[in-house]
Amino acid sequence: MKTLTASEQRKLVITILQTKGRMTTLDARTNGIMHPASRVQELRKQGFNIVTNRLDETDSAGVLHKRVGVYTLDGGKHE
C-alpha cells in the first residue's frame, strides 16, 4: 500500500496542473489526493497562483456532482 504525505500531494497537484493544465476535485481523488482544497490552499500560501472555478461533473460511477472544483495554475509561483 502506498501512502502520499501532504508534501507529496502538493507536488503531485503542481505536476498535474503543469502537465494537464487543470485538475478537478474528482481528478485529484483519482490520484490519491483526498482533500485537494487543502492542498491548493497550502500551495497558495507558498506563493502559487491557483485559480478555482466550478462545474458540474459526472464521476466514473455515473453520479453527477454539482459545483466540482476545477483548479488551474495562473502564471506559476509568485514570490
PDB file of N, CA and C in Angstrom:
ATOM      1  N   MET A   1       0.846  -1.180   0.000  1.00  0.00           N
ATOM      2  CA  MET A   1       0.000   0.000   0.000  1.00  0.00           C
ATOM      3  C   MET A   1       0.889   1.239   0.000  1.00  0.00           C
ATOM      4  N   LYS A   2       0.546   2.188  -0.844  1.00  0.00           N
ATOM      5  CA  LYS A   2       1.309   3.429  -0.954  1.00  0.00           C
ATOM      6  C   LYS A   2       0.608   4.527  -0.156  1.00  0.00           C
ATOM      7  N   THR A   3       1.392   5.327   0.523  1.00  0.00           N
ATOM      8  CA  THR A   3       0.869   6.465   1.266  1.00  0.00           C
ATOM      9  C   THR A   3       1.473   7.737   0.706  1.00  0.00           C
ATOM     10  N   LEU A   4       0.634   8.752   0.458  1.00  0.00           N
ATOM     11  CA  LEU A   4       1.115  10.047  -0.012  1.00  0.00           C
ATOM     12  C   LEU A   4       1.059  11.042   1.143  1.00  0.00           C
ATOM     13  N   THR A   5       2.204  11.603   1.489  1.00  0.00           N
ATOM     14  CA  THR A   5       2.222  12.651   2.504  1.00  0.00           C
ATOM     15  C   THR A   5       1.612  13.920   1.916  1.00  0.00           C
ATOM     16  N   ALA A   6       1.294  14.871   2.778  1.00  0.00           N
ATOM     17  CA  ALA A   6       0.759  16.149   2.299  1.00  0.00           C
ATOM     18  C   ALA A   6       1.746  16.814   1.347  1.00  0.00           C
ATOM     19  N   SER A   7       3.028  16.735   1.658  1.00  0.00           N
ATOM     20  CA  SER A   7       4.061  17.320   0.803  1.00  0.00           C
ATOM     21  C   SER A   7       4.069  16.652  -0.580  1.00  0.00           C
ATOM     22  N   GLU A   8       3.969  15.335  -0.610  1.00  0.00           N
ATOM     23  CA  GLU A   8       3.936  14.616  -1.885  1.00  0.00           C
ATOM     24  C   GLU A   8       2.665  14.958  -2.663  1.00  0.00           C
ATOM     25  N   GLN A   9       1.561  15.128  -1.955  1.00  0.00           N
ATOM     26  CA  GLN A   9       0.310  15.503  -2.605  1.00  0.00           C
ATOM     27  C   GLN A   9       0.417  16.893  -3.229  1.00  0.00           C
ATOM     28  N   ARG A  10       1.050  17.830  -2.520  1.00  0.00           N
ATOM     29  CA  ARG A  10       1.232  19.180  -3.082  1.00  0.00           C
ATOM     30  C   ARG A  10       2.070  19.123  -4.352  1.00  0.00           C
ATOM     31  N   LYS A  11       3.140  18.346  -4.335  1.00  0.00           N
ATOM     32  CA  LYS A  11       3.981  18.194  -5.525  1.00  0.00           C
ATOM     33  C   LYS A  11       3.182  17.588  -6.671  1.00  0.00           C
ATOM     34  N   LEU A  12       2.334  16.622  -6.359  1.00  0.00           N
ATOM     35  CA  LEU A  12       1.512  15.991  -7.370  1.00  0.00           C
ATOM     36  C   LEU A  12       0.491  16.966  -7.957  1.00  0.00           C
ATOM     37  N   VAL A  13      -0.098  17.810  -7.120  1.00  0.00           N
ATOM     38  CA  VAL A  13      -1.035  18.832  -7.601  1.00  0.00           C
ATOM     39  C   VAL A  13      -0.342  19.726  -8.622  1.00  0.00           C
ATOM     40  N   ILE A  14       0.839  20.222  -8.278  1.00  0.00           N
ATOM     41  CA  ILE A  14       1.583  21.100  -9.192  1.00  0.00           C
ATOM     42  C   ILE A  14       1.920  20.363 -10.481  1.00  0.00           C
ATOM     43  N   THR A  15       2.352  19.125 -10.388  1.00  0.00           N
ATOM     44  CA  THR A  15       2.687  18.343 -11.580  1.00  0.00           C
ATOM     45  C   THR A  15       1.475  18.184 -12.482  1.00  0.00           C
ATOM     46  N   ILE A  16       0.329  17.843 -11.902  1.00  0.00           N
ATOM     47  CA  ILE A  16      -0.900  17.684 -12.697  1.00  0.00           C
ATOM     48  C   ILE A  16      -1.277  19.002 -13.362  1.00  0.00           C
ATOM     49  N   LEU A  17      -1.239  20.087 -12.598  1.00  0.00           N
ATOM     50  CA  LEU A  17      -1.601  21.392 -13.159  1.00  0.00           C
ATOM     51  C   LEU A  17      -0.661  21.799 -14.287  1.00  0.00           C
ATOM     52  N   GLN A  18       0.625  21.524 -14.136  1.00  0.00           N
ATOM     53  CA  GLN A  18       1.590  21.909 -15.154  1.00  0.00           C
ATOM     54  C   GLN A  18       1.506  21.029 -16.396  1.00  0.00           C
ATOM     55  N   THR A  19       1.181  19.761 -16.226  1.00  0.00           N
ATOM     56  CA  THR A  19       1.164  18.856 -17.374  1.00  0.00           C
ATOM     57  C   THR A  19      -0.195  18.803 -18.068  1.00  0.00           C
ATOM     58  N   LYS A  20      -1.273  18.867 -17.299  1.00  0.00           N
ATOM     59  CA  LYS A  20      -2.615  18.748 -17.891  1.00  0.00           C
ATOM     60  C   LYS A  20      -3.332  20.081 -18.025  1.00  0.00           C
ATOM     61  N   GLY A  21      -2.827  21.114 -17.357  1.00  0.00           N
ATOM     62  CA  GLY A  21      -3.429  22.436 -17.470  1.00  0.00           C
ATOM     63  C   GLY A  21      -4.551  22.701 -16.491  1.00  0.00           C
ATOM     64  N   ARG A  22      -5.122  21.641 -15.928  1.00  0.00           N
ATOM     65  CA  ARG A  22      -6.192  21.795 -14.943  1.00  0.00           C
ATOM     66  C   ARG A  22      -6.336  20.501 -14.152  1.00  0.00           C
ATOM     67  N   MET A  23      -7.025  20.605 -13.028  1.00  0.00           N
ATOM     68  CA  MET A  23      -7.291  19.435 -12.204  1.00  0.00           C
ATOM     69  C   MET A  23      -8.626  19.653 -11.506  1.00  0.00           C
ATOM     70  N   THR A  24      -9.534  18.688 -11.622  1.00  0.00           N
ATOM     71  CA  THR A  24     -10.790  18.779 -10.881  1.00  0.00           C
ATOM     72  C   THR A  24     -10.645  18.046  -9.555  1.00  0.00           C
ATOM     73  N   THR A  25     -11.598  18.267  -8.671  1.00  0.00           N
ATOM     74  CA  THR A  25     -11.612  17.539  -7.401  1.00  0.00           C
ATOM     75  C   THR A  25     -11.641  16.040  -7.657  1.00  0.00           C
ATOM     76  N   LEU A  26     -12.431  15.611  -8.634  1.00  0.00           N
ATOM     77  CA  LEU A  26     -12.511  14.183  -8.942  1.00  0.00           C
ATOM     78  C   LEU A  26     -11.189  13.653  -9.495  1.00  0.00           C
ATOM     79  N   ASP A  27     -10.495  14.442 -10.330  1.00  0.00           N
ATOM     80  CA  ASP A  27      -9.159  14.058 -10.819  1.00  0.00           C
ATOM     81  C   ASP A  27      -8.208  13.858  -9.640  1.00  0.00           C
ATOM     82  N   ALA A  28      -8.247  14.804  -8.730  1.00  0.00           N
ATOM     83  CA  ALA A  28      -7.348  14.752  -7.575  1.00  0.00           C
ATOM     84  C   ALA A  28      -7.574  13.477  -6.774  1.00  0.00           C
ATOM     85  N   ARG A  29      -8.820  13.174  -6.501  1.00  0.00           N
ATOM     86  CA  ARG A  29      -9.138  11.986  -5.702  1.00  0.00           C
ATOM     87  C   ARG A  29      -8.734  10.710  -6.418  1.00  0.00           C
ATOM     88  N   THR A  30      -8.846  10.694  -7.736  1.00  0.00           N
ATOM     89  CA  THR A  30      -8.391   9.540  -8.521  1.00  0.00           C
ATOM     90  C   THR A  30      -6.883   9.346  -8.368  1.00  0.00           C
ATOM     91  N   ASN A  31      -6.168  10.441  -8.120  1.00  0.00           N
ATOM     92  CA  ASN A  31      -4.710  10.397  -7.964  1.00  0.00           C
ATOM     93  C   ASN A  31      -4.263  10.318  -6.508  1.00  0.00           C
ATOM     94  N   GLY A  32      -5.191  10.031  -5.589  1.00  0.00           N
ATOM     95  CA  GLY A  32      -4.822   9.838  -4.190  1.00  0.00           C
ATOM     96  C   GLY A  32      -4.799  11.094  -3.343  1.00  0.00           C
ATOM     97  N   ILE A  33      -5.313  12.197  -3.887  1.00  0.00           N
ATOM     98  CA  ILE A  33      -5.375  13.460  -3.154  1.00  0.00           C
ATOM     99  C   ILE A  33      -6.819  13.606  -2.672  1.00  0.00           C
ATOM    100  N   MET A  34      -7.083  13.224  -1.422  1.00  0.00           N
ATOM    101  CA  MET A  34      -8.454  13.132  -0.941  1.00  0.00           C
ATOM    102  C   MET A  34      -9.067  14.483  -0.569  1.00  0.00           C
ATOM    103  N   HIS A  35      -8.240  15.457  -0.223  1.00  0.00           N
ATOM    104  CA  HIS A  35      -8.771  16.779   0.117  1.00  0.00           C
ATOM    105  C   HIS A  35      -7.994  17.837  -0.665  1.00  0.00           C
ATOM    106  N   PRO A  36      -8.271  17.921  -1.977  1.00  0.00           N
ATOM    107  CA  PRO A  36      -7.494  18.826  -2.820  1.00  0.00           C
ATOM    108  C   PRO A  36      -7.598  20.293  -2.427  1.00  0.00           C
ATOM    109  N   ALA A  37      -8.736  20.715  -1.875  1.00  0.00           N
ATOM    110  CA  ALA A  37      -8.880  22.124  -1.485  1.00  0.00           C
ATOM    111  C   ALA A  37      -7.834  22.512  -0.441  1.00  0.00           C
ATOM    112  N   SER A  38      -7.527  21.606   0.477  1.00  0.00           N
ATOM    113  CA  SER A  38      -6.497  21.886   1.489  1.00  0.00           C
ATOM    114  C   SER A  38      -5.118  21.990   0.855  1.00  0.00           C
ATOM    115  N   ARG A  39      -4.811  21.072  -0.062  1.00  0.00           N
ATOM    116  CA  ARG A  39      -3.504  21.117  -0.724  1.00  0.00           C
ATOM    117  C   ARG A  39      -3.365  22.391  -1.545  1.00  0.00           C
ATOM    118  N   VAL A  40      -4.434  22.798  -2.220  1.00  0.00           N
ATOM    119  CA  VAL A  40      -4.404  24.034  -3.010  1.00  0.00           C
ATOM    120  C   VAL A  40      -4.212  25.235  -2.100  1.00  0.00           C
ATOM    121  N   GLN A  41      -4.899  25.275  -0.983  1.00  0.00           N
ATOM    122  CA  GLN A  41      -4.742  26.378  -0.028  1.00  0.00           C
ATOM    123  C   GLN A  41      -3.297  26.454   0.471  1.00  0.00           C
ATOM    124  N   GLU A  42      -2.708  25.309   0.777  1.00  0.00           N
ATOM    125  CA  GLU A  42      -1.311  25.276   1.228  1.00  0.00           C
ATOM    126  C   GLU A  42      -0.375  25.783   0.136  1.00  0.00           C
ATOM    127  N   LEU A  43      -0.634  25.394  -1.110  1.00  0.00           N
ATOM    128  CA  LEU A  43       0.198  25.858  -2.227  1.00  0.00           C
ATOM    129  C   LEU A  43       0.049  27.360  -2.443  1.00  0.00           C
ATOM    130  N   ARG A  44      -1.149  27.879  -2.263  1.00  0.00           N
ATOM    131  CA  ARG A  44      -1.337  29.332  -2.376  1.00  0.00           C
ATOM    132  C   ARG A  44      -0.517  30.060  -1.315  1.00  0.00           C
ATOM    133  N   LYS A  45      -0.470  29.516  -0.127  1.00  0.00           N
ATOM    134  CA  LYS A  45       0.336  30.128   0.940  1.00  0.00           C
ATOM    135  C   LYS A  45       1.823  30.106   0.602  1.00  0.00           C
ATOM    136  N   GLN A  46       2.223  29.140  -0.239  1.00  0.00           N
ATOM    137  CA  GLN A  46       3.614  29.052  -0.693  1.00  0.00           C
ATOM    138  C   GLN A  46       3.882  29.973  -1.880  1.00  0.00           C
ATOM    139  N   GLY A  47       2.837  30.643  -2.379  1.00  0.00           N
ATOM    140  CA  GLY A  47       3.033  31.603  -3.457  1.00  0.00           C
ATOM    141  C   GLY A  47       2.520  31.197  -4.817  1.00  0.00           C
ATOM    142  N   PHE A  48       1.918  30.019  -4.932  1.00  0.00           N
ATOM    143  CA  PHE A  48       1.375  29.589  -6.220  1.00  0.00           C
ATOM    144  C   PHE A  48       0.036  30.270  -6.465  1.00  0.00           C
ATOM    145  N   ASN A  49      -0.143  30.766  -7.673  1.00  0.00           N
ATOM    146  CA  ASN A  49      -1.385  31.432  -8.047  1.00  0.00           C
ATOM    147  C   ASN A  49      -2.302  30.399  -8.706  1.00  0.00           C
ATOM    148  N   ILE A  50      -3.101  29.740  -7.877  1.00  0.00           N
ATOM    149  CA  ILE A  50      -4.015  28.707  -8.348  1.00  0.00           C
ATOM    150  C   ILE A  50      -5.430  29.267  -8.318  1.00  0.00           C
ATOM    151  N   VAL A  51      -6.089  29.183  -9.460  1.00  0.00           N
ATOM    152  CA  VAL A  51      -7.444  29.712  -9.619  1.00  0.00           C
ATOM    153  C   VAL A  51      -8.434  28.558  -9.495  1.00  0.00           C
ATOM    154  N   THR A  52      -9.545  28.809  -8.803  1.00  0.00           N
ATOM    155  CA  THR A  52     -10.601  27.806  -8.659  1.00  0.00           C
ATOM    156  C   THR A  52     -11.856  28.274  -9.384  1.00  0.00           C
ATOM    157  N   ASN A  53     -12.388  27.419 -10.228  1.00  0.00           N
ATOM    158  CA  ASN A  53     -13.693  27.618 -10.855  1.00  0.00           C
ATOM    159  C   ASN A  53     -14.551  26.411 -10.489  1.00  0.00           C
ATOM    160  N   ARG A  54     -15.800  26.438 -10.856  1.00  0.00           N
ATOM    161  CA  ARG A  54     -16.728  25.346 -10.524  1.00  0.00           C
ATOM    162  C   ARG A  54     -17.450  24.859 -11.769  1.00  0.00           C
ATOM    163  N   LEU A  55     -17.709  23.547 -11.824  1.00  0.00           N
ATOM    164  CA  LEU A  55     -18.516  22.970 -12.883  1.00  0.00           C
ATOM    165  C   LEU A  55     -19.210  21.722 -12.369  1.00  0.00           C
ATOM    166  N   ASP A  56     -20.210  21.271 -13.095  1.00  0.00           N
ATOM    167  CA  ASP A  56     -20.874  20.018 -12.778  1.00  0.00           C
ATOM    168  C   ASP A  56     -20.125  18.908 -13.509  1.00  0.00           C
ATOM    169  N   GLU A  57     -19.852  17.799 -12.812  1.00  0.00           N
ATOM    170  CA  GLU A  57     -19.073  16.723 -13.420  1.00  0.00           C
ATOM    171  C   GLU A  57     -19.611  15.378 -12.965  1.00  0.00           C
ATOM    172  N   THR A  58     -19.638  14.424 -13.876  1.00  0.00           N
ATOM    173  CA  THR A  58     -20.081  13.070 -13.579  1.00  0.00           C
ATOM    174  C   THR A  58     -18.874  12.198 -13.278  1.00  0.00           C
ATOM    175  N   ASP A  59     -18.934  11.446 -12.182  1.00  0.00           N
ATOM    176  CA  ASP A  59     -17.811  10.579 -11.817  1.00  0.00           C
ATOM    177  C   ASP A  59     -17.889   9.244 -12.552  1.00  0.00           C
ATOM    178  N   SER A  60     -16.931   8.365 -12.289  1.00  0.00           N
ATOM    179  CA  SER A  60     -16.838   7.088 -13.006  1.00  0.00           C
ATOM    180  C   SER A  60     -18.015   6.159 -12.705  1.00  0.00           C
ATOM    181  N   ALA A  61     -18.739   6.402 -11.614  1.00  0.00           N
ATOM    182  CA  ALA A  61     -19.922   5.597 -11.274  1.00  0.00           C
ATOM    183  C   ALA A  61     -21.191   6.165 -11.898  1.00  0.00           C
ATOM    184  N   GLY A  62     -21.062   7.266 -12.639  1.00  0.00           N
ATOM    185  CA  GLY A  62     -22.210   7.870 -13.285  1.00  0.00           C
ATOM    186  C   GLY A  62     -22.981   8.841 -12.412  1.00  0.00           C
ATOM    187  N   VAL A  63     -22.407   9.217 -11.276  1.00  0.00           N
ATOM    188  CA  VAL A  63     -23.059  10.146 -10.347  1.00  0.00           C
ATOM    189  C   VAL A  63     -22.667  11.576 -10.713  1.00  0.00           C
ATOM    190  N   LEU A  64     -23.669  12.437 -10.888  1.00  0.00           N
ATOM    191  CA  LEU A  64     -23.423  13.845 -11.197  1.00  0.00           C
ATOM    192  C   LEU A  64     -23.135  14.605  -9.913  1.00  0.00           C
ATOM    193  N   HIS A  65     -22.020  15.313  -9.892  1.00  0.00           N
ATOM    194  CA  HIS A  65     -21.631  16.144  -8.748  1.00  0.00           C
ATOM    195  C   HIS A  65     -21.757  17.603  -9.166  1.00  0.00           C
ATOM    196  N   LYS A  66     -22.459  18.383  -8.374  1.00  0.00           N
ATOM    197  CA  LYS A  66     -22.680  19.800  -8.651  1.00  0.00           C
ATOM    198  C   LYS A  66     -21.527  20.625  -8.088  1.00  0.00           C
ATOM    199  N   ARG A  67     -21.078  21.589  -8.847  1.00  0.00           N
ATOM    200  CA  ARG A  67     -20.086  22.571  -8.416  1.00  0.00           C
ATOM    201  C   ARG A  67     -18.758  21.937  -7.954  1.00  0.00           C
ATOM    202  N   VAL A  68     -18.218  21.073  -8.788  1.00  0.00           N
ATOM    203  CA  VAL A  68     -16.914  20.453  -8.529  1.00  0.00           C
ATOM    204  C   VAL A  68     -15.830  21.498  -8.768  1.00  0.00           C
ATOM    205  N   GLY A  69     -14.827  21.531  -7.895  1.00  0.00           N
ATOM    206  CA  GLY A  69     -13.716  22.460  -8.069  1.00  0.00           C
ATOM    207  C   GLY A  69     -12.873  22.106  -9.288  1.00  0.00           C
ATOM    208  N   VAL A  70     -12.531  23.125 -10.068  1.00  0.00           N
ATOM    209  CA  VAL A  70     -11.607  22.976 -11.194  1.00  0.00           C
ATOM    210  C   VAL A  70     -10.463  23.944 -10.950  1.00  0.00           C
ATOM    211  N   TYR A  71      -9.273  23.404 -10.772  1.00  0.00           N
ATOM    212  CA  TYR A  71      -8.105  24.205 -10.424  1.00  0.00           C
ATOM    213  C   TYR A  71      -7.204  24.397 -11.635  1.00  0.00           C
ATOM    214  N   THR A  72      -6.713  25.612 -11.811  1.00  0.00           N
ATOM    215  CA  THR A  72      -5.735  25.926 -12.855  1.00  0.00           C
ATOM    216  C   THR A  72      -4.618  26.753 -12.240  1.00  0.00           C
ATOM    217  N   LEU A  73      -3.433  26.628 -12.797  1.00  0.00           N
ATOM    218  CA  LEU A  73      -2.271  27.382 -12.342  1.00  0.00           C
ATOM    219  C   LEU A  73      -2.128  28.613 -13.230  1.00  0.00           C
ATOM    220  N   ASP A  74      -2.242  29.767 -12.633  1.00  0.00           N
ATOM    221  CA  ASP A  74      -2.203  31.025 -13.377  1.00  0.00           C
ATOM    222  C   ASP A  74      -0.831  31.681 -13.206  1.00  0.00           C
ATOM    223  N   GLY A  75       0.058  31.418 -14.145  1.00  0.00           N
ATOM    224  CA  GLY A  75       1.356  32.088 -14.141  1.00  0.00           C
ATOM    225  C   GLY A  75       2.407  31.528 -13.205  1.00  0.00           C
ATOM    226  N   GLY A  76       2.182  30.366 -12.635  1.00  0.00           N
ATOM    227  CA  GLY A  76       3.203  29.745 -11.803  1.00  0.00           C
ATOM    228  C   GLY A  76       3.226  30.276 -10.394  1.00  0.00           C
ATOM    229  N   LYS A  77       4.431  30.438  -9.864  1.00  0.00           N
ATOM    230  CA  LYS A  77       4.626  30.808  -8.466  1.00  0.00           C
ATOM    231  C   LYS A  77       5.028  32.269  -8.368  1.00  0.00           C
ATOM    232  N   HIS A  78       4.399  32.967  -7.434  1.00  0.00           N
ATOM    233  CA  HIS A  78       4.730  34.377  -7.174  1.00  0.00           C
ATOM    234  C   HIS A  78       5.521  34.451  -5.871  1.00  0.00           C
ATOM    235  N   GLU A  79       6.595  35.160  -5.892  1.00  0.00           N
ATOM    236  CA  GLU A  79       7.435  35.305  -4.690  1.00  0.00           C
ATOM    237  C   GLU A  79       6.927  36.410  -3.807  1.00  0.00           C
TER     238      GLU A  79
END
